[in-house]
Protein backbone atom coordinates (compact mmCIF):
# COMPACT_ATOMS: atom_id res chain seq x y z
CA UNK A 1 0.00 0.00 0.00
CA UNK A 2 1.53 3.38 -0.96
CA UNK A 3 2.13 5.82 1.83
CA UNK A 4 0.49 9.24 1.83
CA UNK A 5 2.88 12.16 1.33
CA UNK A 6 1.07 14.08 4.06
CA UNK A 7 1.98 13.74 7.70
CA UNK A 8 -0.70 13.09 10.27
CA UNK A 9 -1.99 16.20 11.97
CA UNK A 10 -0.65 16.87 15.42
CA UNK A 11 -3.12 17.28 18.26
CA UNK A 12 -4.14 20.84 18.99
CA UNK A 13 -2.97 22.36 22.22
CA UNK A 14 -5.47 23.18 24.94
CA UNK A 15 -4.74 26.88 24.46
CA UNK A 16 -5.53 26.66 20.74
CA UNK A 17 -8.75 24.76 21.39
CA UNK A 18 -9.91 27.25 24.02
CA UNK A 19 -9.10 30.12 21.66
CA UNK A 20 -11.19 28.56 18.90
CA UNK A 21 -14.10 27.90 21.27
CA UNK A 22 -14.08 31.49 22.55
CA UNK A 23 -13.87 32.88 19.00
CA UNK A 24 -16.79 30.74 17.85
CA UNK A 25 -18.83 31.68 20.92
CA UNK A 26 -18.15 35.38 20.37
CA UNK A 27 -19.04 35.41 16.67
CA UNK A 28 -22.25 33.36 16.84
CA UNK A 29 -24.52 36.25 17.91
CA UNK A 30 -23.42 38.27 14.88
CA UNK A 31 -24.37 35.55 12.40
CA UNK A 32 -27.62 34.85 14.22
CA UNK A 33 -28.50 38.55 14.06
CA UNK A 34 -27.68 38.85 10.36
CA UNK A 35 -29.49 35.71 9.23
CA UNK A 36 -32.54 36.09 11.45
CA UNK A 37 -33.24 39.80 11.69
CA UNK A 38 -31.52 41.36 8.67
CA UNK A 39 -31.40 38.95 5.76
CA UNK A 40 -34.76 37.19 6.30
CA UNK A 41 -36.92 40.35 5.94
CA UNK A 42 -34.74 41.52 3.06
CA UNK A 43 -35.26 38.20 1.29
CA UNK A 44 -39.01 38.15 1.92
CA UNK A 45 -39.69 41.76 0.92
CA UNK A 46 -36.90 42.40 -1.57
CA UNK A 47 -36.71 39.27 -3.71
CA UNK A 48 -40.27 38.03 -3.72
CA UNK A 49 -43.41 39.64 -5.15
CA UNK A 50 -45.64 37.94 -2.60
CA UNK A 51 -44.42 38.22 1.03
CA UNK A 52 -46.36 35.10 2.08
CA UNK A 53 -44.65 33.04 -0.61
CA UNK A 54 -41.29 34.55 0.39
CA UNK A 55 -41.84 33.57 4.01
CA UNK A 56 -42.71 30.05 2.91
CA UNK A 57 -39.53 29.74 0.85
CA UNK A 58 -37.45 31.18 3.70
CA UNK A 59 -38.96 28.64 6.10
CA UNK A 60 -38.13 25.79 3.73
CA UNK A 61 -34.59 27.10 3.20
CA UNK A 62 -33.82 27.45 6.89
CA UNK A 63 -35.61 24.23 7.84
CA UNK A 64 -33.67 21.90 5.58
CA UNK A 65 -31.19 21.12 8.35
CA UNK A 66 -34.04 19.47 10.25
CA UNK A 67 -34.02 16.33 8.14
CA UNK A 68 -36.12 13.38 9.31
CA UNK A 69 -34.29 11.14 11.69
CA UNK A 70 -32.09 13.90 13.06
CA UNK A 71 -32.54 15.19 16.61
PDB file of N, CA and C in Angstrom:
ATOM      1  N   UNK A   1       0.850  -1.168   0.000  1.00  0.00           N
ATOM      2  CA  UNK A   1       0.000   0.000   0.000  1.00  0.00           C
ATOM      3  C   UNK A   1       0.900   1.236   0.000  1.00  0.00           C
ATOM      4  N   UNK A   2       0.688   2.179  -0.928  1.00  0.00           N
ATOM      5  CA  UNK A   2       1.530   3.378  -0.958  1.00  0.00           C
ATOM      6  C   UNK A   2       1.234   4.280   0.231  1.00  0.00           C
ATOM      7  N   UNK A   3       2.277   4.922   0.699  1.00  0.00           N
ATOM      8  CA  UNK A   3       2.125   5.820   1.827  1.00  0.00           C
ATOM      9  C   UNK A   3       1.720   7.203   1.347  1.00  0.00           C
ATOM     10  N   UNK A   4       0.936   7.883   2.155  1.00  0.00           N
ATOM     11  CA  UNK A   4       0.490   9.235   1.828  1.00  0.00           C
ATOM     12  C   UNK A   4       1.650  10.210   2.036  1.00  0.00           C
ATOM     13  N   UNK A   5       1.802  11.192   1.150  1.00  0.00           N
ATOM     14  CA  UNK A   5       2.879  12.160   1.327  1.00  0.00           C
ATOM     15  C   UNK A   5       2.620  13.149   2.461  1.00  0.00           C
ATOM     16  N   UNK A   6       1.403  13.146   2.993  1.00  0.00           N
ATOM     17  CA  UNK A   6       1.069  14.083   4.057  1.00  0.00           C
ATOM     18  C   UNK A   6       1.289  13.439   5.424  1.00  0.00           C
ATOM     19  N   UNK A   7       1.806  14.223   6.337  1.00  0.00           N
ATOM     20  CA  UNK A   7       1.980  13.745   7.701  1.00  0.00           C
ATOM     21  C   UNK A   7       0.651  13.853   8.445  1.00  0.00           C
ATOM     22  N   UNK A   8       0.493  13.022   9.441  1.00  0.00           N
ATOM     23  CA  UNK A   8      -0.703  13.085  10.267  1.00  0.00           C
ATOM     24  C   UNK A   8      -0.704  14.395  11.051  1.00  0.00           C
ATOM     25  N   UNK A   9      -1.868  14.950  11.236  1.00  0.00           N
ATOM     26  CA  UNK A   9      -1.989  16.202  11.973  1.00  0.00           C
ATOM     27  C   UNK A   9      -1.653  15.977  13.444  1.00  0.00           C
ATOM     28  N   UNK A  10      -0.977  16.953  13.999  1.00  0.00           N
ATOM     29  CA  UNK A  10      -0.650  16.873  15.420  1.00  0.00           C
ATOM     30  C   UNK A  10      -1.848  17.353  16.232  1.00  0.00           C
ATOM     31  N   UNK A  11      -2.017  16.821  17.422  1.00  0.00           N
ATOM     32  CA  UNK A  11      -3.123  17.276  18.264  1.00  0.00           C
ATOM     33  C   UNK A  11      -2.993  18.767  18.581  1.00  0.00           C
ATOM     34  N   UNK A  12      -4.121  19.417  18.665  1.00  0.00           N
ATOM     35  CA  UNK A  12      -4.142  20.838  18.989  1.00  0.00           C
ATOM     36  C   UNK A  12      -3.914  21.026  20.474  1.00  0.00           C
ATOM     37  N   UNK A  13      -3.207  22.077  20.806  1.00  0.00           N
ATOM     38  CA  UNK A  13      -2.970  22.360  22.220  1.00  0.00           C
ATOM     39  C   UNK A  13      -4.254  22.834  22.880  1.00  0.00           C
ATOM     40  N   UNK A  14      -4.287  22.738  24.194  1.00  0.00           N
ATOM     41  CA  UNK A  14      -5.469  23.181  24.939  1.00  0.00           C
ATOM     42  C   UNK A  14      -5.687  24.678  24.740  1.00  0.00           C
ATOM     43  N   UNK A  15      -4.620  25.432  24.663  1.00  0.00           N
ATOM     44  CA  UNK A  15      -4.736  26.880  24.458  1.00  0.00           C
ATOM     45  C   UNK A  15      -5.359  27.189  23.092  1.00  0.00           C
ATOM     46  N   UNK A  16      -4.949  26.470  22.066  1.00  0.00           N
ATOM     47  CA  UNK A  16      -5.526  26.663  20.738  1.00  0.00           C
ATOM     48  C   UNK A  16      -6.994  26.287  20.693  1.00  0.00           C
ATOM     49  N   UNK A  17      -7.358  25.198  21.353  1.00  0.00           N
ATOM     50  CA  UNK A  17      -8.746  24.756  21.391  1.00  0.00           C
ATOM     51  C   UNK A  17      -9.615  25.766  22.132  1.00  0.00           C
ATOM     52  N   UNK A  18      -9.146  26.256  23.254  1.00  0.00           N
ATOM     53  CA  UNK A  18      -9.909  27.249  24.015  1.00  0.00           C
ATOM     54  C   UNK A  18     -10.059  28.536  23.213  1.00  0.00           C
ATOM     55  N   UNK A  19      -9.012  28.936  22.506  1.00  0.00           N
ATOM     56  CA  UNK A  19      -9.096  30.118  21.657  1.00  0.00           C
ATOM     57  C   UNK A  19     -10.140  29.967  20.569  1.00  0.00           C
ATOM     58  N   UNK A  20     -10.185  28.793  19.948  1.00  0.00           N
ATOM     59  CA  UNK A  20     -11.191  28.562  18.903  1.00  0.00           C
ATOM     60  C   UNK A  20     -12.593  28.565  19.490  1.00  0.00           C
ATOM     61  N   UNK A  21     -12.785  27.946  20.638  1.00  0.00           N
ATOM     62  CA  UNK A  21     -14.103  27.899  21.267  1.00  0.00           C
ATOM     63  C   UNK A  21     -14.573  29.304  21.621  1.00  0.00           C
ATOM     64  N   UNK A  22     -13.695  30.122  22.183  1.00  0.00           N
ATOM     65  CA  UNK A  22     -14.085  31.486  22.546  1.00  0.00           C
ATOM     66  C   UNK A  22     -14.383  32.323  21.311  1.00  0.00           C
ATOM     67  N   UNK A  23     -13.612  32.146  20.236  1.00  0.00           N
ATOM     68  CA  UNK A  23     -13.870  32.878  19.003  1.00  0.00           C
ATOM     69  C   UNK A  23     -15.230  32.493  18.432  1.00  0.00           C
ATOM     70  N   UNK A  24     -15.520  31.201  18.388  1.00  0.00           N
ATOM     71  CA  UNK A  24     -16.794  30.740  17.854  1.00  0.00           C
ATOM     72  C   UNK A  24     -17.950  31.239  18.714  1.00  0.00           C
ATOM     73  N   UNK A  25     -17.796  31.207  20.009  1.00  0.00           N
ATOM     74  CA  UNK A  25     -18.827  31.677  20.921  1.00  0.00           C
ATOM     75  C   UNK A  25     -19.065  33.178  20.743  1.00  0.00           C
ATOM     76  N   UNK A  26     -18.018  33.936  20.507  1.00  0.00           N
ATOM     77  CA  UNK A  26     -18.146  35.384  20.372  1.00  0.00           C
ATOM     78  C   UNK A  26     -18.746  35.792  19.034  1.00  0.00           C
ATOM     79  N   UNK A  27     -18.528  35.018  17.974  1.00  0.00           N
ATOM     80  CA  UNK A  27     -19.042  35.408  16.666  1.00  0.00           C
ATOM     81  C   UNK A  27     -20.437  34.885  16.376  1.00  0.00           C
ATOM     82  N   UNK A  28     -20.931  33.916  17.109  1.00  0.00           N
ATOM     83  CA  UNK A  28     -22.252  33.356  16.842  1.00  0.00           C
ATOM     84  C   UNK A  28     -23.370  34.384  16.909  1.00  0.00           C
ATOM     85  N   UNK A  29     -23.419  35.280  17.883  1.00  0.00           N
ATOM     86  CA  UNK A  29     -24.525  36.249  17.914  1.00  0.00           C
ATOM     87  C   UNK A  29     -24.580  37.126  16.664  1.00  0.00           C
ATOM     88  N   UNK A  30     -23.438  37.449  16.093  1.00  0.00           N
ATOM     89  CA  UNK A  30     -23.424  38.271  14.883  1.00  0.00           C
ATOM     90  C   UNK A  30     -24.106  37.551  13.731  1.00  0.00           C
ATOM     91  N   UNK A  31     -23.764  36.301  13.491  1.00  0.00           N
ATOM     92  CA  UNK A  31     -24.369  35.550  12.395  1.00  0.00           C
ATOM     93  C   UNK A  31     -25.851  35.313  12.647  1.00  0.00           C
ATOM     94  N   UNK A  32     -26.216  35.039  13.882  1.00  0.00           N
ATOM     95  CA  UNK A  32     -27.623  34.853  14.218  1.00  0.00           C
ATOM     96  C   UNK A  32     -28.401  36.132  13.936  1.00  0.00           C
ATOM     97  N   UNK A  33     -27.848  37.268  14.307  1.00  0.00           N
ATOM     98  CA  UNK A  33     -28.496  38.548  14.059  1.00  0.00           C
ATOM     99  C   UNK A  33     -28.666  38.805  12.571  1.00  0.00           C
ATOM    100  N   UNK A  34     -27.616  38.585  11.799  1.00  0.00           N
ATOM    101  CA  UNK A  34     -27.675  38.855  10.362  1.00  0.00           C
ATOM    102  C   UNK A  34     -28.676  37.944   9.673  1.00  0.00           C
ATOM    103  N   UNK A  35     -28.616  36.656   9.924  1.00  0.00           N
ATOM    104  CA  UNK A  35     -29.490  35.715   9.230  1.00  0.00           C
ATOM    105  C   UNK A  35     -30.945  35.880   9.661  1.00  0.00           C
ATOM    106  N   UNK A  36     -31.177  36.061  10.949  1.00  0.00           N
ATOM    107  CA  UNK A  36     -32.543  36.090  11.447  1.00  0.00           C
ATOM    108  C   UNK A  36     -33.229  37.438  11.254  1.00  0.00           C
ATOM    109  N   UNK A  37     -32.557  38.504  11.635  1.00  0.00           N
ATOM    110  CA  UNK A  37     -33.238  39.797  11.687  1.00  0.00           C
ATOM    111  C   UNK A  37     -32.919  40.731  10.529  1.00  0.00           C
ATOM    112  N   UNK A  38     -31.864  40.477   9.780  1.00  0.00           N
ATOM    113  CA  UNK A  38     -31.524  41.365   8.672  1.00  0.00           C
ATOM    114  C   UNK A  38     -31.783  40.731   7.312  1.00  0.00           C
ATOM    115  N   UNK A  39     -31.275  39.540   7.082  1.00  0.00           N
ATOM    116  CA  UNK A  39     -31.402  38.951   5.760  1.00  0.00           C
ATOM    117  C   UNK A  39     -32.792  38.383   5.505  1.00  0.00           C
ATOM    118  N   UNK A  40     -33.427  37.793   6.512  1.00  0.00           N
ATOM    119  CA  UNK A  40     -34.757  37.189   6.300  1.00  0.00           C
ATOM    120  C   UNK A  40     -35.784  38.213   5.814  1.00  0.00           C
ATOM    121  N   UNK A  41     -35.953  39.363   6.474  1.00  0.00           N
ATOM    122  CA  UNK A  41     -36.917  40.345   5.942  1.00  0.00           C
ATOM    123  C   UNK A  41     -36.505  40.900   4.583  1.00  0.00           C
ATOM    124  N   UNK A  42     -35.214  41.047   4.362  1.00  0.00           N
ATOM    125  CA  UNK A  42     -34.742  41.520   3.062  1.00  0.00           C
ATOM    126  C   UNK A  42     -35.087  40.508   1.969  1.00  0.00           C
ATOM    127  N   UNK A  43     -34.916  39.247   2.252  1.00  0.00           N
ATOM    128  CA  UNK A  43     -35.259  38.204   1.287  1.00  0.00           C
ATOM    129  C   UNK A  43     -36.760  38.198   1.012  1.00  0.00           C
ATOM    130  N   UNK A  44     -37.557  38.241   2.065  1.00  0.00           N
ATOM    131  CA  UNK A  44     -39.012  38.152   1.919  1.00  0.00           C
ATOM    132  C   UNK A  44     -39.566  39.356   1.178  1.00  0.00           C
ATOM    133  N   UNK A  45     -39.120  40.549   1.524  1.00  0.00           N
ATOM    134  CA  UNK A  45     -39.686  41.756   0.923  1.00  0.00           C
ATOM    135  C   UNK A  45     -38.943  42.239  -0.308  1.00  0.00           C
ATOM    136  N   UNK A  46     -37.693  41.882  -0.465  1.00  0.00           N
ATOM    137  CA  UNK A  46     -36.903  42.395  -1.568  1.00  0.00           C
ATOM    138  C   UNK A  46     -36.859  41.501  -2.788  1.00  0.00           C
ATOM    139  N   UNK A  47     -36.860  40.202  -2.595  1.00  0.00           N
ATOM    140  CA  UNK A  47     -36.707  39.269  -3.708  1.00  0.00           C
ATOM    141  C   UNK A  47     -38.035  38.703  -4.209  1.00  0.00           C
ATOM    142  N   UNK A  48     -39.018  38.695  -3.359  1.00  0.00           N
ATOM    143  CA  UNK A  48     -40.267  38.030  -3.718  1.00  0.00           C
ATOM    144  C   UNK A  48     -41.373  39.056  -3.950  1.00  0.00           C
ATOM    145  N   UNK A  49     -42.271  38.755  -4.900  1.00  0.00           N
ATOM    146  CA  UNK A  49     -43.410  39.635  -5.147  1.00  0.00           C
ATOM    147  C   UNK A  49     -44.480  39.465  -4.075  1.00  0.00           C
ATOM    148  N   UNK A  50     -44.640  38.240  -3.607  1.00  0.00           N
ATOM    149  CA  UNK A  50     -45.642  37.935  -2.596  1.00  0.00           C
ATOM    150  C   UNK A  50     -44.932  37.628  -1.274  1.00  0.00           C
ATOM    151  N   UNK A  51     -45.107  38.470  -0.246  1.00  0.00           N
ATOM    152  CA  UNK A  51     -44.424  38.221   1.033  1.00  0.00           C
ATOM    153  C   UNK A  51     -44.761  36.868   1.664  1.00  0.00           C
ATOM    154  N   UNK A  52     -45.990  36.401   1.506  1.00  0.00           N
ATOM    155  CA  UNK A  52     -46.363  35.097   2.083  1.00  0.00           C
ATOM    156  C   UNK A  52     -45.580  33.973   1.411  1.00  0.00           C
ATOM    157  N   UNK A  53     -45.432  34.046   0.103  1.00  0.00           N
ATOM    158  CA  UNK A  53     -44.647  33.039  -0.613  1.00  0.00           C
ATOM    159  C   UNK A  53     -43.169  33.144  -0.221  1.00  0.00           C
ATOM    160  N   UNK A  54     -42.679  34.359  -0.042  1.00  0.00           N
ATOM    161  CA  UNK A  54     -41.294  34.552   0.393  1.00  0.00           C
ATOM    162  C   UNK A  54     -41.036  33.968   1.766  1.00  0.00           C
ATOM    163  N   UNK A  55     -41.986  34.145   2.675  1.00  0.00           N
ATOM    164  CA  UNK A  55     -41.842  33.565   4.008  1.00  0.00           C
ATOM    165  C   UNK A  55     -41.853  32.044   3.945  1.00  0.00           C
ATOM    166  N   UNK A  56     -42.666  31.499   3.067  1.00  0.00           N
ATOM    167  CA  UNK A  56     -42.712  30.046   2.905  1.00  0.00           C
ATOM    168  C   UNK A  56     -41.378  29.518   2.398  1.00  0.00           C
ATOM    169  N   UNK A  57     -40.823  30.162   1.378  1.00  0.00           N
ATOM    170  CA  UNK A  57     -39.527  29.735   0.848  1.00  0.00           C
ATOM    171  C   UNK A  57     -38.425  29.894   1.886  1.00  0.00           C
ATOM    172  N   UNK A  58     -38.463  30.970   2.659  1.00  0.00           N
ATOM    173  CA  UNK A  58     -37.449  31.178   3.699  1.00  0.00           C
ATOM    174  C   UNK A  58     -37.554  30.085   4.759  1.00  0.00           C
ATOM    175  N   UNK A  59     -38.775  29.711   5.115  1.00  0.00           N
ATOM    176  CA  UNK A  59     -38.955  28.644   6.105  1.00  0.00           C
ATOM    177  C   UNK A  59     -38.418  27.322   5.577  1.00  0.00           C
ATOM    178  N   UNK A  60     -38.669  27.018   4.311  1.00  0.00           N
ATOM    179  CA  UNK A  60     -38.127  25.792   3.728  1.00  0.00           C
ATOM    180  C   UNK A  60     -36.599  25.834   3.684  1.00  0.00           C
ATOM    181  N   UNK A  61     -36.051  26.979   3.323  1.00  0.00           N
ATOM    182  CA  UNK A  61     -34.595  27.102   3.197  1.00  0.00           C
ATOM    183  C   UNK A  61     -33.901  26.956   4.542  1.00  0.00           C
ATOM    184  N   UNK A  62     -34.467  27.530   5.570  1.00  0.00           N
ATOM    185  CA  UNK A  62     -33.822  27.449   6.885  1.00  0.00           C
ATOM    186  C   UNK A  62     -34.195  26.182   7.637  1.00  0.00           C
ATOM    187  N   UNK A  63     -35.200  25.458   7.174  1.00  0.00           N
ATOM    188  CA  UNK A  63     -35.614  24.233   7.843  1.00  0.00           C
ATOM    189  C   UNK A  63     -35.030  22.979   7.248  1.00  0.00           C
ATOM    190  N   UNK A  64     -34.210  23.090   6.224  1.00  0.00           N
ATOM    191  CA  UNK A  64     -33.668  21.898   5.584  1.00  0.00           C
ATOM    192  C   UNK A  64     -32.683  21.157   6.470  1.00  0.00           C
ATOM    193  N   UNK A  65     -32.118  21.823   7.466  1.00  0.00           N
ATOM    194  CA  UNK A  65     -31.188  21.117   8.349  1.00  0.00           C
ATOM    195  C   UNK A  65     -31.927  20.226   9.345  1.00  0.00           C
ATOM    196  N   UNK A  66     -33.225  20.308   9.364  1.00  0.00           N
ATOM    197  CA  UNK A  66     -34.037  19.467  10.254  1.00  0.00           C
ATOM    198  C   UNK A  66     -34.553  18.251   9.484  1.00  0.00           C
ATOM    199  N   UNK A  67     -33.650  17.504   8.928  1.00  0.00           N
ATOM    200  CA  UNK A  67     -34.021  16.328   8.144  1.00  0.00           C
ATOM    201  C   UNK A  67     -34.637  15.267   9.036  1.00  0.00           C
ATOM    202  N   UNK A  68     -35.519  14.454   8.496  1.00  0.00           N
ATOM    203  CA  UNK A  68     -36.120  13.378   9.306  1.00  0.00           C
ATOM    204  C   UNK A  68     -35.040  12.432   9.849  1.00  0.00           C
ATOM    205  N   UNK A  69     -35.233  12.062  11.067  1.00  0.00           N
ATOM    206  CA  UNK A  69     -34.289  11.144  11.690  1.00  0.00           C
ATOM    207  C   UNK A  69     -33.162  11.837  12.432  1.00  0.00           C
ATOM    208  N   UNK A  70     -33.122  13.152  12.333  1.00  0.00           N
ATOM    209  CA  UNK A  70     -32.087  13.895  13.062  1.00  0.00           C
ATOM    210  C   UNK A  70     -32.719  14.517  14.300  1.00  0.00           C
ATOM    211  N   UNK A  71     -31.974  14.575  15.377  1.00  0.00           N
ATOM    212  CA  UNK A  71     -32.539  15.187  16.615  1.00  0.00           C
ATOM    213  C   UNK A  71     -32.662  16.681  16.501  1.00  0.00           C
TER     214      UNK A  71
END
